[in-house]
Amino acid sequence: MISLSRILKLRDLEIFHVLNNGNILAYVIIEDTKNPFTEEDKKMEPLCYMDEKDINEILNVIRISLINDETFTKEDSITLREYFSVFVNNTNLTNFIIKEYIQEDLYDNDDNIESFNKILQNIGSSYIIEEFDEINWIYLSQD
């Protein structure tokens, strides 16, 4: 059974543990980029088949990153993609993109700002989590 544990919620970034029968299956990062698709994004399926005009109308892209220490099985990949694709409200101005990443040392670190920033860097995000007082952690994550 798949379950979620949101370990961090910031204004434009959420980080989840996805658990399968109590074991961590993946980290998932949902990032509101507040930007349109990049040129690299436009080369991905199904975007590469879309009309350039339609793609350029999308002003805000939500990035959903599925991260594990090894390649996802086909079944896990499909399950995660289907599950998280409903997290985003698609409009004529907003859409999302889902990518999978492998980070070999993913589970070697504690859940803290340093390890989150390392994950963000490894997935090519420009988002950097700034240091904040531990006392504020609960308020940020419960917003």
N, C-alpha and C. Protein backbone atom coordinates (compact mmCIF):
# COMPACT_ATOMS: atom_id res chain seq x y z
N MET A 1 0.83 -1.18 0.00
CA MET A 1 0.00 0.00 0.00
C MET A 1 0.88 1.25 0.00
N ILE A 2 0.58 2.18 -0.89
CA ILE A 2 1.33 3.43 -1.01
C ILE A 2 0.77 4.45 -0.02
N SER A 3 1.68 5.13 0.68
CA SER A 3 1.29 6.23 1.56
C SER A 3 2.31 7.34 1.44
N LEU A 4 1.91 8.53 1.87
CA LEU A 4 2.77 9.72 1.77
C LEU A 4 3.08 10.27 3.13
N SER A 5 4.28 10.84 3.22
CA SER A 5 4.66 11.61 4.39
C SER A 5 5.30 12.89 3.85
N ARG A 6 4.60 14.02 4.02
CA ARG A 6 5.16 15.29 3.57
C ARG A 6 6.17 15.73 4.61
N ILE A 7 7.43 15.82 4.21
CA ILE A 7 8.48 16.15 5.17
C ILE A 7 8.87 17.62 5.14
N LEU A 8 8.45 18.34 4.10
CA LEU A 8 8.69 19.78 4.06
C LEU A 8 7.71 20.43 3.11
N LYS A 9 7.13 21.54 3.57
CA LYS A 9 6.23 22.32 2.73
C LYS A 9 6.64 23.78 2.84
N LEU A 10 7.10 24.31 1.74
CA LEU A 10 7.42 25.73 1.65
C LEU A 10 6.47 26.35 0.63
N ARG A 11 6.59 27.61 0.39
CA ARG A 11 5.66 28.29 -0.51
C ARG A 11 5.64 27.69 -1.91
N ASP A 12 6.80 27.43 -2.49
CA ASP A 12 6.89 26.94 -3.87
C ASP A 12 7.53 25.55 -3.97
N LEU A 13 7.62 24.85 -2.85
CA LEU A 13 8.32 23.57 -2.84
C LEU A 13 7.74 22.65 -1.77
N GLU A 14 7.49 21.41 -2.17
CA GLU A 14 7.07 20.40 -1.21
C GLU A 14 7.94 19.16 -1.43
N ILE A 15 8.31 18.51 -0.33
CA ILE A 15 9.10 17.29 -0.39
C ILE A 15 8.35 16.20 0.36
N PHE A 16 8.23 15.05 -0.29
CA PHE A 16 7.51 13.91 0.26
C PHE A 16 8.39 12.68 0.33
N HIS A 17 8.12 11.84 1.31
CA HIS A 17 8.55 10.45 1.29
C HIS A 17 7.35 9.68 0.76
N VAL A 18 7.58 8.83 -0.22
CA VAL A 18 6.54 7.92 -0.67
C VAL A 18 6.89 6.56 -0.08
N LEU A 19 5.94 6.01 0.67
CA LEU A 19 6.18 4.74 1.35
C LEU A 19 5.35 3.64 0.69
N ASN A 20 5.96 2.48 0.57
CA ASN A 20 5.28 1.31 0.05
C ASN A 20 5.40 0.23 1.12
N ASN A 21 4.28 -0.09 1.76
CA ASN A 21 4.28 -1.06 2.86
C ASN A 21 5.27 -0.68 3.96
N GLY A 22 5.35 0.61 4.26
CA GLY A 22 6.20 1.10 5.35
C GLY A 22 7.64 1.37 4.98
N ASN A 23 8.07 1.01 3.77
CA ASN A 23 9.44 1.26 3.31
C ASN A 23 9.45 2.43 2.33
N ILE A 24 10.49 3.26 2.42
CA ILE A 24 10.58 4.41 1.51
C ILE A 24 10.80 3.91 0.09
N LEU A 25 9.88 4.28 -0.78
CA LEU A 25 9.97 3.95 -2.20
C LEU A 25 10.70 5.05 -2.97
N ALA A 26 10.47 6.30 -2.55
CA ALA A 26 11.05 7.43 -3.28
C ALA A 26 10.90 8.71 -2.49
N TYR A 27 11.69 9.69 -2.89
CA TYR A 27 11.45 11.07 -2.52
C TYR A 27 10.71 11.68 -3.72
N VAL A 28 9.77 12.55 -3.44
CA VAL A 28 9.11 13.28 -4.51
C VAL A 28 9.16 14.75 -4.16
N ILE A 29 9.60 15.53 -5.13
CA ILE A 29 9.68 16.97 -4.96
C ILE A 29 8.73 17.62 -5.95
N ILE A 30 7.85 18.46 -5.43
CA ILE A 30 6.95 19.25 -6.27
C ILE A 30 7.40 20.70 -6.16
N GLU A 31 7.80 21.25 -7.28
CA GLU A 31 8.35 22.61 -7.31
C GLU A 31 7.55 23.48 -8.27
N ASP A 32 7.04 24.58 -7.76
CA ASP A 32 6.36 25.56 -8.60
C ASP A 32 7.44 26.49 -9.14
N THR A 33 7.76 26.35 -10.42
CA THR A 33 8.87 27.10 -10.99
C THR A 33 8.53 28.56 -11.27
N LYS A 34 7.24 28.84 -11.41
CA LYS A 34 6.78 30.19 -11.77
C LYS A 34 7.42 30.64 -13.09
N ASN A 35 7.71 29.67 -13.96
CA ASN A 35 8.31 29.93 -15.27
C ASN A 35 7.67 29.02 -16.31
N PRO A 36 7.77 29.39 -17.58
CA PRO A 36 7.26 28.52 -18.64
C PRO A 36 8.20 27.33 -18.87
N PHE A 37 7.83 26.46 -19.81
CA PHE A 37 8.69 25.33 -20.16
C PHE A 37 10.02 25.84 -20.70
N THR A 38 11.09 25.15 -20.35
CA THR A 38 12.41 25.49 -20.90
C THR A 38 12.54 24.86 -22.28
N GLU A 39 13.56 25.26 -23.01
CA GLU A 39 13.81 24.66 -24.32
C GLU A 39 14.07 23.17 -24.19
N GLU A 40 14.74 22.77 -23.12
CA GLU A 40 15.00 21.34 -22.87
C GLU A 40 13.69 20.59 -22.61
N ASP A 41 12.79 21.21 -21.84
CA ASP A 41 11.48 20.61 -21.57
C ASP A 41 10.71 20.36 -22.87
N LYS A 42 10.78 21.31 -23.77
CA LYS A 42 10.01 21.23 -25.02
C LYS A 42 10.44 20.07 -25.90
N LYS A 43 11.60 19.49 -25.64
CA LYS A 43 12.09 18.34 -26.41
C LYS A 43 11.54 17.02 -25.88
N MET A 44 10.95 17.04 -24.69
CA MET A 44 10.43 15.82 -24.07
C MET A 44 9.07 15.44 -24.67
N GLU A 45 8.77 14.14 -24.62
CA GLU A 45 7.44 13.69 -25.02
C GLU A 45 6.45 14.06 -23.93
N PRO A 46 5.27 14.40 -24.19
CA PRO A 46 4.63 14.63 -25.48
C PRO A 46 4.80 16.06 -25.99
N LEU A 47 5.55 16.88 -25.25
CA LEU A 47 5.70 18.29 -25.64
C LEU A 47 6.31 18.45 -27.02
N CYS A 48 7.22 17.55 -27.37
CA CYS A 48 7.90 17.67 -28.66
C CYS A 48 6.94 17.52 -29.84
N TYR A 49 5.76 16.97 -29.61
CA TYR A 49 4.77 16.80 -30.67
C TYR A 49 3.73 17.92 -30.70
N MET A 50 3.79 18.78 -29.71
CA MET A 50 2.80 19.85 -29.61
C MET A 50 3.21 21.06 -30.44
N ASP A 51 2.22 21.85 -30.78
CA ASP A 51 2.43 23.08 -31.51
C ASP A 51 3.17 24.07 -30.61
N GLU A 52 4.18 24.71 -31.14
CA GLU A 52 5.00 25.68 -30.38
C GLU A 52 4.14 26.78 -29.76
N LYS A 53 3.14 27.22 -30.50
CA LYS A 53 2.25 28.27 -29.99
C LYS A 53 1.52 27.80 -28.73
N ASP A 54 1.02 26.57 -28.73
CA ASP A 54 0.32 26.03 -27.56
C ASP A 54 1.24 25.89 -26.36
N ILE A 55 2.45 25.44 -26.60
CA ILE A 55 3.43 25.27 -25.52
C ILE A 55 3.78 26.63 -24.90
N ASN A 56 3.95 27.62 -25.74
CA ASN A 56 4.35 28.95 -25.26
C ASN A 56 3.25 29.67 -24.50
N GLU A 57 2.01 29.21 -24.60
CA GLU A 57 0.91 29.82 -23.85
C GLU A 57 0.97 29.43 -22.38
N ILE A 58 1.67 28.36 -22.06
CA ILE A 58 1.77 27.91 -20.67
C ILE A 58 2.83 28.77 -19.97
N LEU A 59 2.40 29.50 -18.95
CA LEU A 59 3.26 30.46 -18.28
C LEU A 59 3.86 29.94 -16.98
N ASN A 60 3.29 28.84 -16.44
CA ASN A 60 3.79 28.32 -15.18
C ASN A 60 3.87 26.80 -15.23
N VAL A 61 5.06 26.30 -14.97
CA VAL A 61 5.29 24.85 -14.99
C VAL A 61 5.58 24.38 -13.57
N ILE A 62 4.88 23.34 -13.17
CA ILE A 62 5.13 22.67 -11.90
C ILE A 62 6.00 21.46 -12.22
N ARG A 63 7.14 21.35 -11.57
CA ARG A 63 8.03 20.21 -11.78
C ARG A 63 7.80 19.19 -10.67
N ILE A 64 7.55 17.97 -11.08
CA ILE A 64 7.41 16.86 -10.15
C ILE A 64 8.59 15.93 -10.40
N SER A 65 9.44 15.79 -9.40
CA SER A 65 10.65 14.97 -9.53
C SER A 65 10.50 13.73 -8.66
N LEU A 66 10.65 12.57 -9.28
CA LEU A 66 10.61 11.29 -8.59
C LEU A 66 12.05 10.83 -8.43
N ILE A 67 12.51 10.65 -7.19
CA ILE A 67 13.92 10.38 -6.95
C ILE A 67 14.06 9.09 -6.14
N ASN A 68 14.95 8.24 -6.60
CA ASN A 68 15.24 6.99 -5.90
C ASN A 68 16.73 6.71 -6.03
N ASP A 69 17.21 5.73 -5.28
CA ASP A 69 18.63 5.39 -5.37
C ASP A 69 18.92 4.37 -6.47
N GLU A 70 17.88 3.89 -7.13
CA GLU A 70 18.04 2.99 -8.28
C GLU A 70 16.86 3.23 -9.22
N THR A 71 16.95 2.68 -10.41
CA THR A 71 15.90 2.86 -11.40
C THR A 71 14.58 2.29 -10.89
N PHE A 72 13.51 3.04 -11.10
CA PHE A 72 12.19 2.57 -10.70
C PHE A 72 11.77 1.40 -11.58
N THR A 73 11.03 0.46 -10.98
CA THR A 73 10.42 -0.57 -11.80
C THR A 73 9.35 0.11 -12.65
N LYS A 74 8.97 -0.52 -13.74
CA LYS A 74 7.94 0.05 -14.61
C LYS A 74 6.64 0.27 -13.81
N GLU A 75 6.30 -0.70 -12.97
CA GLU A 75 5.08 -0.60 -12.17
C GLU A 75 5.16 0.58 -11.19
N ASP A 76 6.28 0.73 -10.49
CA ASP A 76 6.44 1.85 -9.55
C ASP A 76 6.41 3.19 -10.28
N SER A 77 7.04 3.25 -11.43
CA SER A 77 7.07 4.49 -12.22
C SER A 77 5.65 4.89 -12.62
N ILE A 78 4.89 3.96 -13.13
CA ILE A 78 3.52 4.25 -13.55
C ILE A 78 2.67 4.67 -12.35
N THR A 79 2.80 3.92 -11.25
CA THR A 79 2.02 4.24 -10.04
C THR A 79 2.31 5.65 -9.56
N LEU A 80 3.60 5.99 -9.45
CA LEU A 80 3.97 7.32 -8.96
C LEU A 80 3.52 8.43 -9.92
N ARG A 81 3.69 8.20 -11.21
CA ARG A 81 3.29 9.21 -12.19
C ARG A 81 1.78 9.45 -12.15
N GLU A 82 1.01 8.37 -12.08
CA GLU A 82 -0.45 8.51 -12.01
C GLU A 82 -0.86 9.20 -10.71
N TYR A 83 -0.24 8.81 -9.62
CA TYR A 83 -0.59 9.35 -8.30
C TYR A 83 -0.33 10.85 -8.24
N PHE A 84 0.86 11.27 -8.66
CA PHE A 84 1.23 12.68 -8.51
C PHE A 84 0.71 13.57 -9.62
N SER A 85 0.29 13.01 -10.73
CA SER A 85 -0.25 13.85 -11.81
C SER A 85 -1.55 14.53 -11.40
N VAL A 86 -2.26 13.98 -10.42
CA VAL A 86 -3.51 14.60 -9.97
C VAL A 86 -3.27 15.67 -8.91
N PHE A 87 -2.03 15.87 -8.49
CA PHE A 87 -1.71 16.89 -7.49
C PHE A 87 -1.74 18.30 -8.08
N VAL A 88 -1.66 18.41 -9.39
CA VAL A 88 -1.52 19.70 -10.04
C VAL A 88 -2.82 20.05 -10.77
N ASN A 89 -3.28 21.25 -10.56
CA ASN A 89 -4.45 21.74 -11.30
C ASN A 89 -3.99 22.30 -12.63
N ASN A 90 -4.30 21.58 -13.69
CA ASN A 90 -3.96 22.07 -15.03
C ASN A 90 -4.94 23.14 -15.45
N THR A 91 -4.40 24.19 -16.03
CA THR A 91 -5.23 25.23 -16.62
C THR A 91 -4.63 25.53 -17.99
N ASN A 92 -5.20 26.49 -18.67
CA ASN A 92 -4.62 26.86 -19.96
C ASN A 92 -3.30 27.62 -19.77
N LEU A 93 -2.97 28.02 -18.53
CA LEU A 93 -1.72 28.74 -18.26
C LEU A 93 -0.74 27.95 -17.42
N THR A 94 -1.20 26.85 -16.82
CA THR A 94 -0.36 26.06 -15.91
C THR A 94 -0.36 24.60 -16.35
N ASN A 95 0.80 23.98 -16.30
CA ASN A 95 0.91 22.56 -16.59
C ASN A 95 2.03 22.00 -15.75
N PHE A 96 2.29 20.71 -15.89
CA PHE A 96 3.33 20.08 -15.08
C PHE A 96 4.19 19.17 -15.95
N ILE A 97 5.32 18.83 -15.38
CA ILE A 97 6.24 17.91 -16.03
C ILE A 97 6.77 16.96 -14.95
N ILE A 98 6.85 15.68 -15.27
CA ILE A 98 7.34 14.69 -14.32
C ILE A 98 8.62 14.07 -14.87
N LYS A 99 9.65 14.04 -14.03
CA LYS A 99 10.92 13.42 -14.41
C LYS A 99 11.37 12.49 -13.29
N GLU A 100 12.08 11.45 -13.69
CA GLU A 100 12.65 10.51 -12.73
C GLU A 100 14.15 10.72 -12.64
N TYR A 101 14.68 10.58 -11.42
CA TYR A 101 16.10 10.77 -11.17
C TYR A 101 16.64 9.66 -10.29
N ILE A 102 17.91 9.37 -10.48
CA ILE A 102 18.61 8.41 -9.62
C ILE A 102 19.68 9.16 -8.86
N GLN A 103 19.71 8.98 -7.55
CA GLN A 103 20.76 9.54 -6.70
C GLN A 103 21.21 8.42 -5.78
N GLU A 104 22.37 7.87 -6.06
CA GLU A 104 22.83 6.66 -5.38
C GLU A 104 22.90 6.79 -3.86
N ASP A 105 23.30 7.93 -3.34
CA ASP A 105 23.45 8.11 -1.89
C ASP A 105 22.20 8.74 -1.26
N LEU A 106 21.08 8.65 -1.91
CA LEU A 106 19.86 9.34 -1.49
C LEU A 106 19.46 9.03 -0.05
N TYR A 107 19.57 7.78 0.35
CA TYR A 107 19.09 7.39 1.67
C TYR A 107 20.20 7.34 2.72
N ASP A 108 21.37 7.88 2.38
CA ASP A 108 22.50 7.89 3.33
C ASP A 108 22.47 9.07 4.28
N ASN A 109 21.57 10.02 4.05
CA ASN A 109 21.56 11.25 4.84
C ASN A 109 20.24 11.41 5.58
N ASP A 110 20.28 12.21 6.64
CA ASP A 110 19.07 12.56 7.37
C ASP A 110 18.27 13.57 6.56
N ASP A 111 17.01 13.71 6.91
CA ASP A 111 16.17 14.72 6.28
C ASP A 111 16.47 16.07 6.93
N ASN A 112 17.28 16.85 6.25
CA ASN A 112 17.62 18.19 6.74
C ASN A 112 17.86 19.11 5.55
N ILE A 113 18.04 20.36 5.81
CA ILE A 113 18.18 21.34 4.74
C ILE A 113 19.36 21.01 3.84
N GLU A 114 20.47 20.59 4.42
CA GLU A 114 21.65 20.27 3.62
C GLU A 114 21.37 19.13 2.63
N SER A 115 20.74 18.06 3.12
CA SER A 115 20.46 16.94 2.21
C SER A 115 19.38 17.31 1.19
N PHE A 116 18.39 18.12 1.57
CA PHE A 116 17.38 18.56 0.62
C PHE A 116 18.01 19.40 -0.49
N ASN A 117 18.92 20.31 -0.11
CA ASN A 117 19.59 21.13 -1.12
C ASN A 117 20.45 20.28 -2.05
N LYS A 118 21.05 19.22 -1.52
CA LYS A 118 21.84 18.31 -2.37
C LYS A 118 20.93 17.62 -3.39
N ILE A 119 19.75 17.18 -2.94
CA ILE A 119 18.80 16.56 -3.86
C ILE A 119 18.37 17.56 -4.92
N LEU A 120 18.04 18.77 -4.50
CA LEU A 120 17.62 19.82 -5.45
C LEU A 120 18.71 20.09 -6.48
N GLN A 121 19.94 20.14 -6.03
CA GLN A 121 21.05 20.37 -6.95
C GLN A 121 21.18 19.21 -7.94
N ASN A 122 21.04 17.98 -7.45
CA ASN A 122 21.17 16.80 -8.31
C ASN A 122 20.08 16.70 -9.37
N ILE A 123 18.91 17.26 -9.10
CA ILE A 123 17.84 17.21 -10.10
C ILE A 123 17.84 18.45 -11.00
N GLY A 124 18.80 19.33 -10.79
CA GLY A 124 18.93 20.50 -11.65
C GLY A 124 18.01 21.66 -11.28
N SER A 125 17.51 21.66 -10.07
CA SER A 125 16.65 22.75 -9.63
C SER A 125 17.50 23.97 -9.27
N SER A 126 16.94 25.13 -9.49
CA SER A 126 17.62 26.36 -9.07
C SER A 126 17.17 26.79 -7.68
N TYR A 127 16.24 26.05 -7.11
CA TYR A 127 15.70 26.37 -5.79
C TYR A 127 16.74 26.02 -4.72
N ILE A 128 16.96 26.94 -3.79
CA ILE A 128 17.86 26.71 -2.66
C ILE A 128 17.07 26.99 -1.39
N ILE A 129 17.04 26.00 -0.51
CA ILE A 129 16.35 26.18 0.76
C ILE A 129 17.30 26.94 1.69
N GLU A 130 16.84 28.09 2.15
CA GLU A 130 17.64 28.90 3.06
C GLU A 130 17.55 28.33 4.46
N GLU A 131 18.59 28.53 5.23
CA GLU A 131 18.60 28.09 6.63
C GLU A 131 17.53 28.85 7.41
N PHE A 132 16.88 28.16 8.33
CA PHE A 132 15.93 28.80 9.23
C PHE A 132 16.01 28.10 10.57
N ASP A 133 15.51 28.77 11.60
CA ASP A 133 15.56 28.22 12.95
C ASP A 133 14.75 26.93 13.04
N GLU A 134 15.28 25.96 13.77
CA GLU A 134 14.58 24.69 13.96
C GLU A 134 13.19 24.90 14.56
N ILE A 135 13.02 25.92 15.37
CA ILE A 135 11.73 26.19 15.99
C ILE A 135 10.66 26.47 14.93
N ASN A 136 11.07 26.99 13.77
CA ASN A 136 10.13 27.31 12.69
C ASN A 136 9.81 26.11 11.79
N TRP A 137 10.56 25.03 11.93
CA TRP A 137 10.38 23.87 11.06
C TRP A 137 8.93 23.38 11.08
N ILE A 138 8.38 23.24 12.27
CA ILE A 138 7.01 22.73 12.39
C ILE A 138 6.01 23.65 11.70
N TYR A 139 6.21 24.95 11.82
CA TYR A 139 5.26 25.88 11.22
C TYR A 139 5.36 25.85 9.70
N LEU A 140 6.55 25.74 9.15
CA LEU A 140 6.72 25.67 7.71
C LEU A 140 6.08 24.42 7.15
N SER A 141 6.24 23.31 7.83
CA SER A 141 5.75 22.03 7.34
C SER A 141 4.27 21.82 7.58
N GLN A 142 3.66 22.63 8.42
CA GLN A 142 2.24 22.43 8.72
C GLN A 142 1.36 23.49 8.08
N ASP A 143 1.92 24.37 7.31
CA ASP A 143 1.18 25.46 6.68
C ASP A 143 0.04 24.95 5.83
